[in-house]
Amino acid sequence: MRVSRVIVSAAIVATFCLAPASAGFAQDAPASARSAVTASEPSTLKVFANCTALNKIYPHGVGKKGAKDKTSGTPVRTFRVNTTVYNQNKKSDRDKDGIACEKK
């Protein structure tokens, strides 16, 4: 019983310690590999010029956590929740509801 707990514990530790390197997390990668890892993913640190550019990456807009669309019609609920991207593109939130460039 004790041996199996040690093996399971070792497997759990190995999974959590090695997962970031094998999963390709950019913050754990060396600087030379970081650009290759993030090149295929949309940049979360980007300020978009306008809603057309933002909607190419986030088709229904991007909002901060807990945001709700203010509208007289059907509210947009399919926006991407990403507070960092929202904060960098807050200028595109015309109705100040916490969602930038919301679109149905």
PDB file of N, CA and C in Angstrom:
ATOM      1  N   MET A   1       0.823  -1.185   0.000  1.00  0.00           N
ATOM      2  CA  MET A   1       0.000   0.000   0.000  1.00  0.00           C
ATOM      3  C   MET A   1       0.867   1.249   0.000  1.00  0.00           C
ATOM      4  N   ARG A   2       1.877   1.276   0.854  1.00  0.00           N
ATOM      5  CA  ARG A   2       2.751   2.437   0.959  1.00  0.00           C
ATOM      6  C   ARG A   2       3.542   2.642  -0.329  1.00  0.00           C
ATOM      7  N   VAL A   3       4.003   1.579  -0.972  1.00  0.00           N
ATOM      8  CA  VAL A   3       4.770   1.690  -2.206  1.00  0.00           C
ATOM      9  C   VAL A   3       3.904   2.294  -3.311  1.00  0.00           C
ATOM     10  N   SER A   4       2.655   1.887  -3.409  1.00  0.00           N
ATOM     11  CA  SER A   4       1.801   2.428  -4.462  1.00  0.00           C
ATOM     12  C   SER A   4       1.530   3.911  -4.243  1.00  0.00           C
ATOM     13  N   ARG A   5       1.427   4.356  -3.000  1.00  0.00           N
ATOM     14  CA  ARG A   5       1.241   5.785  -2.716  1.00  0.00           C
ATOM     15  C   ARG A   5       2.454   6.590  -3.157  1.00  0.00           C
ATOM     16  N   VAL A   6       3.643   6.042  -2.939  1.00  0.00           N
ATOM     17  CA  VAL A   6       4.869   6.726  -3.342  1.00  0.00           C
ATOM     18  C   VAL A   6       4.923   6.841  -4.862  1.00  0.00           C
ATOM     19  N   ILE A   7       4.573   5.775  -5.551  1.00  0.00           N
ATOM     20  CA  ILE A   7       4.589   5.785  -7.007  1.00  0.00           C
ATOM     21  C   ILE A   7       3.569   6.781  -7.542  1.00  0.00           C
ATOM     22  N   VAL A   8       2.373   6.762  -6.989  1.00  0.00           N
ATOM     23  CA  VAL A   8       1.339   7.690  -7.424  1.00  0.00           C
ATOM     24  C   VAL A   8       1.761   9.125  -7.120  1.00  0.00           C
ATOM     25  N   SER A   9       2.316   9.367  -5.947  1.00  0.00           N
ATOM     26  CA  SER A   9       2.782  10.705  -5.574  1.00  0.00           C
ATOM     27  C   SER A   9       3.876  11.171  -6.519  1.00  0.00           C
ATOM     28  N   ALA A  10       4.801  10.293  -6.846  1.00  0.00           N
ATOM     29  CA  ALA A  10       5.879  10.642  -7.765  1.00  0.00           C
ATOM     30  C   ALA A  10       5.320  10.969  -9.152  1.00  0.00           C
ATOM     31  N   ALA A  11       4.323  10.220  -9.577  1.00  0.00           N
ATOM     32  CA  ALA A  11       3.715  10.470 -10.885  1.00  0.00           C
ATOM     33  C   ALA A  11       2.995  11.816 -10.907  1.00  0.00           C
ATOM     34  N   ILE A  12       2.336  12.156  -9.819  1.00  0.00           N
ATOM     35  CA  ILE A  12       1.641  13.443  -9.732  1.00  0.00           C
ATOM     36  C   ILE A  12       2.645  14.584  -9.743  1.00  0.00           C
ATOM     37  N   VAL A  13       3.706  14.468  -8.968  1.00  0.00           N
ATOM     38  CA  VAL A  13       4.736  15.509  -8.932  1.00  0.00           C
ATOM     39  C   VAL A  13       5.366  15.665 -10.306  1.00  0.00           C
ATOM     40  N   ALA A  14       5.682  14.557 -10.953  1.00  0.00           N
ATOM     41  CA  ALA A  14       6.290  14.618 -12.280  1.00  0.00           C
ATOM     42  C   ALA A  14       5.355  15.274 -13.284  1.00  0.00           C
ATOM     43  N   THR A  15       4.074  14.982 -13.191  1.00  0.00           N
ATOM     44  CA  THR A  15       3.103  15.565 -14.112  1.00  0.00           C
ATOM     45  C   THR A  15       3.051  17.073 -13.943  1.00  0.00           C
ATOM     46  N   PHE A  16       2.967  17.552 -12.710  1.00  0.00           N
ATOM     47  CA  PHE A  16       2.853  18.990 -12.477  1.00  0.00           C
ATOM     48  C   PHE A  16       4.164  19.726 -12.726  1.00  0.00           C
ATOM     49  N   CYS A  17       5.279  19.086 -12.461  1.00  0.00           N
ATOM     50  CA  CYS A  17       6.569  19.744 -12.660  1.00  0.00           C
ATOM     51  C   CYS A  17       6.971  19.780 -14.127  1.00  0.00           C
ATOM     52  N   LEU A  18       6.624  18.746 -14.869  1.00  0.00           N
ATOM     53  CA  LEU A  18       7.028  18.663 -16.263  1.00  0.00           C
ATOM     54  C   LEU A  18       5.977  19.177 -17.239  1.00  0.00           C
ATOM     55  N   ALA A  19       4.747  19.342 -16.803  1.00  0.00           N
ATOM     56  CA  ALA A  19       3.673  19.755 -17.711  1.00  0.00           C
ATOM     57  C   ALA A  19       3.937  21.078 -18.396  1.00  0.00           C
ATOM     58  N   PRO A  20       4.392  22.131 -17.707  1.00  0.00           N
ATOM     59  CA  PRO A  20       4.596  23.397 -18.402  1.00  0.00           C
ATOM     60  C   PRO A  20       5.604  23.295 -19.543  1.00  0.00           C
ATOM     61  N   ALA A  21       6.685  22.552 -19.346  1.00  0.00           N
ATOM     62  CA  ALA A  21       7.681  22.432 -20.401  1.00  0.00           C
ATOM     63  C   ALA A  21       7.143  21.635 -21.576  1.00  0.00           C
ATOM     64  N   SER A  22       6.407  20.577 -21.318  1.00  0.00           N
ATOM     65  CA  SER A  22       5.909  19.759 -22.409  1.00  0.00           C
ATOM     66  C   SER A  22       4.682  20.364 -23.069  1.00  0.00           C
ATOM     67  N   ALA A  23       3.940  21.212 -22.338  1.00  0.00           N
ATOM     68  CA  ALA A  23       2.739  21.826 -22.904  1.00  0.00           C
ATOM     69  C   ALA A  23       3.083  23.060 -23.718  1.00  0.00           C
ATOM     70  N   GLY A  24       4.320  23.537 -23.677  1.00  0.00           N
ATOM     71  CA  GLY A  24       4.730  24.666 -24.491  1.00  0.00           C
ATOM     72  C   GLY A  24       4.308  26.014 -23.939  1.00  0.00           C
ATOM     73  N   PHE A  25       4.309  26.149 -22.616  1.00  0.00           N
ATOM     74  CA  PHE A  25       3.964  27.438 -22.038  1.00  0.00           C
ATOM     75  C   PHE A  25       5.094  28.420 -22.309  1.00  0.00           C
ATOM     76  N   ALA A  26       4.756  29.555 -22.852  1.00  0.00           N
ATOM     77  CA  ALA A  26       5.758  30.526 -23.285  1.00  0.00           C
ATOM     78  C   ALA A  26       6.585  31.084 -22.135  1.00  0.00           C
ATOM     79  N   GLN A  27       5.999  31.276 -20.962  1.00  0.00           N
ATOM     80  CA  GLN A  27       6.733  31.884 -19.868  1.00  0.00           C
ATOM     81  C   GLN A  27       7.844  30.983 -19.350  1.00  0.00           C
ATOM     82  N   ASP A  28       7.757  29.672 -19.573  1.00  0.00           N
ATOM     83  CA  ASP A  28       8.777  28.755 -19.108  1.00  0.00           C
ATOM     84  C   ASP A  28       9.827  28.469 -20.168  1.00  0.00           C
ATOM     85  N   ALA A  29       9.592  28.894 -21.380  1.00  0.00           N
ATOM     86  CA  ALA A  29      10.505  28.614 -22.470  1.00  0.00           C
ATOM     87  C   ALA A  29      11.616  29.657 -22.501  1.00  0.00           C
ATOM     88  N   PRO A  30      12.813  29.281 -23.006  1.00  0.00           N
ATOM     89  CA  PRO A  30      13.864  30.273 -23.164  1.00  0.00           C
ATOM     90  C   PRO A  30      13.447  31.309 -24.206  1.00  0.00           C
ATOM     91  N   ALA A  31      14.076  32.464 -24.196  1.00  0.00           N
ATOM     92  CA  ALA A  31      13.695  33.574 -25.081  1.00  0.00           C
ATOM     93  C   ALA A  31      13.701  33.162 -26.552  1.00  0.00           C
ATOM     94  N   SER A  32      14.653  32.339 -26.964  1.00  0.00           N
ATOM     95  CA  SER A  32      14.725  31.933 -28.366  1.00  0.00           C
ATOM     96  C   SER A  32      13.549  31.062 -28.769  1.00  0.00           C
ATOM     97  N   ALA A  33      13.050  30.243 -27.856  1.00  0.00           N
ATOM     98  CA  ALA A  33      11.935  29.352 -28.168  1.00  0.00           C
ATOM     99  C   ALA A  33      10.589  30.024 -27.935  1.00  0.00           C
ATOM    100  N   ARG A  34      10.563  31.104 -27.139  1.00  0.00           N
ATOM    101  CA  ARG A  34       9.307  31.754 -26.779  1.00  0.00           C
ATOM    102  C   ARG A  34       8.566  32.283 -27.997  1.00  0.00           C
ATOM    103  N   SER A  35       9.281  32.869 -28.954  1.00  0.00           N
ATOM    104  CA  SER A  35       8.611  33.413 -30.134  1.00  0.00           C
ATOM    105  C   SER A  35       8.023  32.300 -30.992  1.00  0.00           C
ATOM    106  N   ALA A  36       8.677  31.158 -31.048  1.00  0.00           N
ATOM    107  CA  ALA A  36       8.156  30.044 -31.823  1.00  0.00           C
ATOM    108  C   ALA A  36       6.896  29.469 -31.191  1.00  0.00           C
ATOM    109  N   VAL A  37       6.851  29.442 -29.865  1.00  0.00           N
ATOM    110  CA  VAL A  37       5.700  28.899 -29.153  1.00  0.00           C
ATOM    111  C   VAL A  37       4.496  29.799 -29.335  1.00  0.00           C
ATOM    112  N   THR A  38       4.684  31.110 -29.235  1.00  0.00           N
ATOM    113  CA  THR A  38       3.564  32.040 -29.279  1.00  0.00           C
ATOM    114  C   THR A  38       3.200  32.482 -30.689  1.00  0.00           C
ATOM    115  N   ALA A  39       3.999  32.131 -31.683  1.00  0.00           N
ATOM    116  CA  ALA A  39       3.730  32.583 -33.045  1.00  0.00           C
ATOM    117  C   ALA A  39       2.405  32.048 -33.582  1.00  0.00           C
ATOM    118  N   SER A  40       2.010  30.841 -33.187  1.00  0.00           N
ATOM    119  CA  SER A  40       0.783  30.249 -33.703  1.00  0.00           C
ATOM    120  C   SER A  40      -0.455  30.693 -32.929  1.00  0.00           C
ATOM    121  N   GLU A  41      -0.269  31.283 -31.742  1.00  0.00           N
ATOM    122  CA  GLU A  41      -1.390  31.706 -30.917  1.00  0.00           C
ATOM    123  C   GLU A  41      -1.584  33.214 -31.045  1.00  0.00           C
ATOM    124  N   PRO A  42      -2.836  33.695 -30.925  1.00  0.00           N
ATOM    125  CA  PRO A  42      -3.026  35.135 -30.952  1.00  0.00           C
ATOM    126  C   PRO A  42      -2.349  35.773 -29.743  1.00  0.00           C
ATOM    127  N   SER A  43      -1.755  36.919 -29.969  1.00  0.00           N
ATOM    128  CA  SER A  43      -1.058  37.613 -28.892  1.00  0.00           C
ATOM    129  C   SER A  43      -2.054  38.166 -27.899  1.00  0.00           C
ATOM    130  N   THR A  44      -1.871  37.857 -26.630  1.00  0.00           N
ATOM    131  CA  THR A  44      -2.758  38.391 -25.608  1.00  0.00           C
ATOM    132  C   THR A  44      -2.293  39.760 -25.151  1.00  0.00           C
ATOM    133  N   LEU A  45      -1.192  40.245 -25.687  1.00  0.00           N
ATOM    134  CA  LEU A  45      -0.665  41.533 -25.293  1.00  0.00           C
ATOM    135  C   LEU A  45      -0.759  42.537 -26.435  1.00  0.00           C
ATOM    136  N   LYS A  46      -1.791  42.444 -27.240  1.00  0.00           N
ATOM    137  CA  LYS A  46      -1.899  43.280 -28.421  1.00  0.00           C
ATOM    138  C   LYS A  46      -2.984  44.336 -28.261  1.00  0.00           C
ATOM    139  N   VAL A  47      -2.649  45.539 -28.660  1.00  0.00           N
ATOM    140  CA  VAL A  47      -3.632  46.612 -28.746  1.00  0.00           C
ATOM    141  C   VAL A  47      -4.063  46.661 -30.204  1.00  0.00           C
ATOM    142  N   PHE A  48      -5.338  46.430 -30.458  1.00  0.00           N
ATOM    143  CA  PHE A  48      -5.857  46.420 -31.814  1.00  0.00           C
ATOM    144  C   PHE A  48      -6.197  47.838 -32.251  1.00  0.00           C
ATOM    145  N   ALA A  49      -6.004  48.143 -33.519  1.00  0.00           N
ATOM    146  CA  ALA A  49      -6.258  49.478 -34.052  1.00  0.00           C
ATOM    147  C   ALA A  49      -7.738  49.825 -34.031  1.00  0.00           C
ATOM    148  N   ASN A  50      -8.581  48.820 -34.278  1.00  0.00           N
ATOM    149  CA  ASN A  50     -10.024  49.058 -34.322  1.00  0.00           C
ATOM    150  C   ASN A  50     -10.762  47.742 -34.112  1.00  0.00           C
ATOM    151  N   CYS A  51     -12.102  47.806 -34.120  1.00  0.00           N
ATOM    152  CA  CYS A  51     -12.906  46.602 -33.886  1.00  0.00           C
ATOM    153  C   CYS A  51     -12.788  45.590 -35.024  1.00  0.00           C
ATOM    154  N   THR A  52     -12.586  46.059 -36.238  1.00  0.00           N
ATOM    155  CA  THR A  52     -12.426  45.129 -37.362  1.00  0.00           C
ATOM    156  C   THR A  52     -11.228  44.222 -37.120  1.00  0.00           C
ATOM    157  N   ALA A  53     -10.122  44.795 -36.679  1.00  0.00           N
ATOM    158  CA  ALA A  53      -8.914  44.007 -36.399  1.00  0.00           C
ATOM    159  C   ALA A  53      -9.134  43.080 -35.211  1.00  0.00           C
ATOM    160  N   LEU A  54      -9.771  43.585 -34.156  1.00  0.00           N
ATOM    161  CA  LEU A  54     -10.023  42.755 -32.978  1.00  0.00           C
ATOM    162  C   LEU A  54     -10.963  41.601 -33.310  1.00  0.00           C
ATOM    163  N   ASN A  55     -12.003  41.872 -34.099  1.00  0.00           N
ATOM    164  CA  ASN A  55     -12.977  40.827 -34.438  1.00  0.00           C
ATOM    165  C   ASN A  55     -12.415  39.744 -35.347  1.00  0.00           C
ATOM    166  N   LYS A  56     -11.277  39.980 -35.991  1.00  0.00           N
ATOM    167  CA  LYS A  56     -10.636  38.921 -36.781  1.00  0.00           C
ATOM    168  C   LYS A  56     -10.108  37.822 -35.861  1.00  0.00           C
ATOM    169  N   ILE A  57      -9.660  38.208 -34.673  1.00  0.00           N
ATOM    170  CA  ILE A  57      -9.144  37.238 -33.699  1.00  0.00           C
ATOM    171  C   ILE A  57     -10.243  36.802 -32.735  1.00  0.00           C
ATOM    172  N   TYR A  58     -11.059  37.751 -32.298  1.00  0.00           N
ATOM    173  CA  TYR A  58     -12.146  37.500 -31.353  1.00  0.00           C
ATOM    174  C   TYR A  58     -13.465  37.901 -32.033  1.00  0.00           C
ATOM    175  N   PRO A  59     -14.100  36.987 -32.781  1.00  0.00           N
ATOM    176  CA  PRO A  59     -15.259  37.322 -33.622  1.00  0.00           C
ATOM    177  C   PRO A  59     -16.438  37.959 -32.887  1.00  0.00           C
ATOM    178  N   HIS A  60     -16.632  37.669 -31.622  1.00  0.00           N
ATOM    179  CA  HIS A  60     -17.774  38.221 -30.882  1.00  0.00           C
ATOM    180  C   HIS A  60     -17.337  39.257 -29.849  1.00  0.00           C
ATOM    181  N   GLY A  61     -16.093  39.688 -29.922  1.00  0.00           N
ATOM    182  CA  GLY A  61     -15.560  40.671 -28.995  1.00  0.00           C
ATOM    183  C   GLY A  61     -14.818  40.021 -27.850  1.00  0.00           C
ATOM    184  N   VAL A  62     -14.287  40.869 -26.985  1.00  0.00           N
ATOM    185  CA  VAL A  62     -13.539  40.398 -25.824  1.00  0.00           C
ATOM    186  C   VAL A  62     -13.964  41.231 -24.617  1.00  0.00           C
ATOM    187  N   GLY A  63     -14.179  40.548 -23.497  1.00  0.00           N
ATOM    188  CA  GLY A  63     -14.652  41.254 -22.310  1.00  0.00           C
ATOM    189  C   GLY A  63     -13.922  40.824 -21.064  1.00  0.00           C
ATOM    190  N   LYS A  64     -14.099  41.639 -20.035  1.00  0.00           N
ATOM    191  CA  LYS A  64     -13.494  41.295 -18.756  1.00  0.00           C
ATOM    192  C   LYS A  64     -14.402  40.333 -18.003  1.00  0.00           C
ATOM    193  N   LYS A  65     -13.856  39.673 -17.026  1.00  0.00           N
ATOM    194  CA  LYS A  65     -14.605  38.680 -16.249  1.00  0.00           C
ATOM    195  C   LYS A  65     -15.802  39.352 -15.576  1.00  0.00           C
ATOM    196  N   GLY A  66     -16.951  38.745 -15.693  1.00  0.00           N
ATOM    197  CA  GLY A  66     -18.169  39.244 -15.074  1.00  0.00           C
ATOM    198  C   GLY A  66     -18.932  40.269 -15.901  1.00  0.00           C
ATOM    199  N   ALA A  67     -18.461  40.575 -17.102  1.00  0.00           N
ATOM    200  CA  ALA A  67     -19.121  41.575 -17.945  1.00  0.00           C
ATOM    201  C   ALA A  67     -20.414  41.024 -18.534  1.00  0.00           C
ATOM    202  N   LYS A  68     -21.392  41.903 -18.697  1.00  0.00           N
ATOM    203  CA  LYS A  68     -22.668  41.554 -19.328  1.00  0.00           C
ATOM    204  C   LYS A  68     -22.988  42.608 -20.355  1.00  0.00           C
ATOM    205  N   ASP A  69     -23.398  42.185 -21.534  1.00  0.00           N
ATOM    206  CA  ASP A  69     -23.710  43.088 -22.634  1.00  0.00           C
ATOM    207  C   ASP A  69     -24.919  43.959 -22.298  1.00  0.00           C
ATOM    208  N   LYS A  70     -24.764  45.259 -22.451  1.00  0.00           N
ATOM    209  CA  LYS A  70     -25.881  46.195 -22.265  1.00  0.00           C
ATOM    210  C   LYS A  70     -26.501  46.436 -23.634  1.00  0.00           C
ATOM    211  N   THR A  71     -27.707  45.975 -23.828  1.00  0.00           N
ATOM    212  CA  THR A  71     -28.389  46.162 -25.099  1.00  0.00           C
ATOM    213  C   THR A  71     -29.887  46.095 -24.881  1.00  0.00           C
ATOM    214  N   SER A  72     -30.616  46.699 -25.794  1.00  0.00           N
ATOM    215  CA  SER A  72     -32.076  46.609 -25.710  1.00  0.00           C
ATOM    216  C   SER A  72     -32.575  45.347 -26.408  1.00  0.00           C
ATOM    217  N   GLY A  73     -31.716  44.741 -27.210  1.00  0.00           N
ATOM    218  CA  GLY A  73     -32.067  43.508 -27.910  1.00  0.00           C
ATOM    219  C   GLY A  73     -31.499  42.294 -27.206  1.00  0.00           C
ATOM    220  N   THR A  74     -31.140  41.299 -27.985  1.00  0.00           N
ATOM    221  CA  THR A  74     -30.555  40.072 -27.446  1.00  0.00           C
ATOM    222  C   THR A  74     -29.098  40.337 -27.064  1.00  0.00           C
ATOM    223  N   PRO A  75     -28.700  40.093 -25.819  1.00  0.00           N
ATOM    224  CA  PRO A  75     -27.314  40.355 -25.414  1.00  0.00           C
ATOM    225  C   PRO A  75     -26.333  39.346 -26.017  1.00  0.00           C
ATOM    226  N   VAL A  76     -25.130  39.823 -26.291  1.00  0.00           N
ATOM    227  CA  VAL A  76     -24.058  38.961 -26.787  1.00  0.00           C
ATOM    228  C   VAL A  76     -23.477  38.225 -25.584  1.00  0.00           C
ATOM    229  N   ARG A  77     -23.460  36.911 -25.653  1.00  0.00           N
ATOM    230  CA  ARG A  77     -22.911  36.096 -24.561  1.00  0.00           C
ATOM    231  C   ARG A  77     -21.749  35.237 -25.029  1.00  0.00           C
ATOM    232  N   THR A  78     -21.436  35.323 -26.309  1.00  0.00           N
ATOM    233  CA  THR A  78     -20.394  34.466 -26.871  1.00  0.00           C
ATOM    234  C   THR A  78     -19.051  35.167 -26.988  1.00  0.00           C
ATOM    235  N   PHE A  79     -18.889  36.312 -26.323  1.00  0.00           N
ATOM    236  CA  PHE A  79     -17.608  37.017 -26.382  1.00  0.00           C
ATOM    237  C   PHE A  79     -16.562  36.252 -25.583  1.00  0.00           C
ATOM    238  N   ARG A  80     -15.298  36.472 -25.926  1.00  0.00           N
ATOM    239  CA  ARG A  80     -14.184  35.824 -25.226  1.00  0.00           C
ATOM    240  C   ARG A  80     -13.903  36.584 -23.945  1.00  0.00           C
ATOM    241  N   VAL A  81     -13.791  35.883 -22.842  1.00  0.00           N
ATOM    242  CA  VAL A  81     -13.472  36.509 -21.561  1.00  0.00           C
ATOM    243  C   VAL A  81     -11.959  36.495 -21.403  1.00  0.00           C
ATOM    244  N   ASN A  82     -11.363  37.686 -21.442  1.00  0.00           N
ATOM    245  CA  ASN A  82      -9.928  37.839 -21.273  1.00  0.00           C
ATOM    246  C   ASN A  82      -9.693  39.264 -20.782  1.00  0.00           C
ATOM    247  N   THR A  83      -9.564  39.421 -19.482  1.00  0.00           N
ATOM    248  CA  THR A  83      -9.461  40.738 -18.874  1.00  0.00           C
ATOM    249  C   THR A  83      -8.227  41.496 -19.359  1.00  0.00           C
ATOM    250  N   THR A  84      -7.126  40.810 -19.587  1.00  0.00           N
ATOM    251  CA  THR A  84      -5.902  41.462 -20.049  1.00  0.00           C
ATOM    252  C   THR A  84      -6.108  42.094 -21.420  1.00  0.00           C
ATOM    253  N   VAL A  85      -6.668  41.333 -22.353  1.00  0.00           N
ATOM    254  CA  VAL A  85      -6.898  41.861 -23.700  1.00  0.00           C
ATOM    255  C   VAL A  85      -7.935  42.980 -23.652  1.00  0.00           C
ATOM    256  N   TYR A  86      -8.974  42.807 -22.831  1.00  0.00           N
ATOM    257  CA  TYR A  86      -9.980  43.863 -22.707  1.00  0.00           C
ATOM    258  C   TYR A  86      -9.342  45.161 -22.205  1.00  0.00           C
ATOM    259  N   ASN A  87      -8.535  45.070 -21.152  1.00  0.00           N
ATOM    260  CA  ASN A  87      -7.928  46.271 -20.585  1.00  0.00           C
ATOM    261  C   ASN A  87      -7.051  47.005 -21.593  1.00  0.00           C
ATOM    262  N   GLN A  88      -6.395  46.282 -22.472  1.00  0.00           N
ATOM    263  CA  GLN A  88      -5.552  46.913 -23.472  1.00  0.00           C
ATOM    264  C   GLN A  88      -6.359  47.506 -24.622  1.00  0.00           C
ATOM    265  N   ASN A  89      -7.617  47.099 -24.767  1.00  0.00           N
ATOM    266  CA  ASN A  89      -8.469  47.588 -25.852  1.00  0.00           C
ATOM    267  C   ASN A  89      -9.735  48.241 -25.318  1.00  0.00           C
ATOM    268  N   LYS A  90      -9.659  48.757 -24.118  1.00  0.00           N
ATOM    269  CA  LYS A  90     -10.796  49.375 -23.450  1.00  0.00           C
ATOM    270  C   LYS A  90     -11.366  50.533 -24.262  1.00  0.00           C
ATOM    271  N   LYS A  91     -10.533  51.190 -25.067  1.00  0.00           N
ATOM    272  CA  LYS A  91     -10.979  52.303 -25.893  1.00  0.00           C
ATOM    273  C   LYS A  91     -12.051  51.882 -26.903  1.00  0.00           C
ATOM    274  N   SER A  92     -12.115  50.615 -27.230  1.00  0.00           N
ATOM    275  CA  SER A  92     -13.092  50.112 -28.198  1.00  0.00           C
ATOM    276  C   SER A  92     -14.414  49.711 -27.552  1.00  0.00           C
ATOM    277  N   ASP A  93     -14.551  49.903 -26.257  1.00  0.00           N
ATOM    278  CA  ASP A  93     -15.795  49.591 -25.545  1.00  0.00           C
ATOM    279  C   ASP A  93     -16.641  50.865 -25.492  1.00  0.00           C
ATOM    280  N   ARG A  94     -17.410  51.094 -26.545  1.00  0.00           N
ATOM    281  CA  ARG A  94     -18.160  52.345 -26.662  1.00  0.00           C
ATOM    282  C   ARG A  94     -19.240  52.501 -25.598  1.00  0.00           C
ATOM    283  N   ASP A  95     -19.933  51.421 -25.242  1.00  0.00           N
ATOM    284  CA  ASP A  95     -21.028  51.535 -24.268  1.00  0.00           C
ATOM    285  C   ASP A  95     -20.583  51.256 -22.826  1.00  0.00           C
ATOM    286  N   LYS A  96     -19.285  51.066 -22.626  1.00  0.00           N
ATOM    287  CA  LYS A  96     -18.691  50.902 -21.290  1.00  0.00           C
ATOM    288  C   LYS A  96     -19.350  49.797 -20.462  1.00  0.00           C
ATOM    289  N   ASP A  97     -19.642  48.662 -21.125  1.00  0.00           N
ATOM    290  CA  ASP A  97     -20.262  47.544 -20.425  1.00  0.00           C
ATOM    291  C   ASP A  97     -19.270  46.433 -20.063  1.00  0.00           C
ATOM    292  N   GLY A  98     -17.988  46.662 -20.354  1.00  0.00           N
ATOM    293  CA  GLY A  98     -16.978  45.665 -20.027  1.00  0.00           C
ATOM    294  C   GLY A  98     -16.688  44.700 -21.168  1.00  0.00           C
ATOM    295  N   ILE A  99     -17.258  44.966 -22.363  1.00  0.00           N
ATOM    296  CA  ILE A  99     -17.029  44.132 -23.531  1.00  0.00           C
ATOM    297  C   ILE A  99     -16.615  45.037 -24.687  1.00  0.00           C
ATOM    298  N   ALA A 100     -15.433  44.804 -25.232  1.00  0.00           N
ATOM    299  CA  ALA A 100     -14.955  45.583 -26.367  1.00  0.00           C
ATOM    300  C   ALA A 100     -15.336  44.896 -27.668  1.00  0.00           C
ATOM    301  N   CYS A 101     -15.894  45.653 -28.576  1.00  0.00           N
ATOM    302  CA  CYS A 101     -16.209  45.194 -29.940  1.00  0.00           C
ATOM    303  C   CYS A 101     -17.175  44.001 -29.962  1.00  0.00           C
ATOM    304  N   GLU A 102     -18.190  44.012 -29.064  1.00  0.00           N
ATOM    305  CA  GLU A 102     -19.132  42.906 -29.063  1.00  0.00           C
ATOM    306  C   GLU A 102     -19.932  42.875 -30.362  1.00  0.00           C
ATOM    307  N   LYS A 103     -20.144  41.658 -30.839  1.00  0.00           N
ATOM    308  CA  LYS A 103     -20.802  41.462 -32.113  1.00  0.00           C
ATOM    309  C   LYS A 103     -21.505  40.113 -32.077  1.00  0.00           C
ATOM    310  N   LYS A 104     -22.736  40.081 -32.601  1.00  0.00           N
ATOM    311  CA  LYS A 104     -23.494  38.814 -32.625  1.00  0.00           C
ATOM    312  C   LYS A 104     -22.974  37.876 -33.668  1.00  0.00           C
TER     313      LYS A 104
END
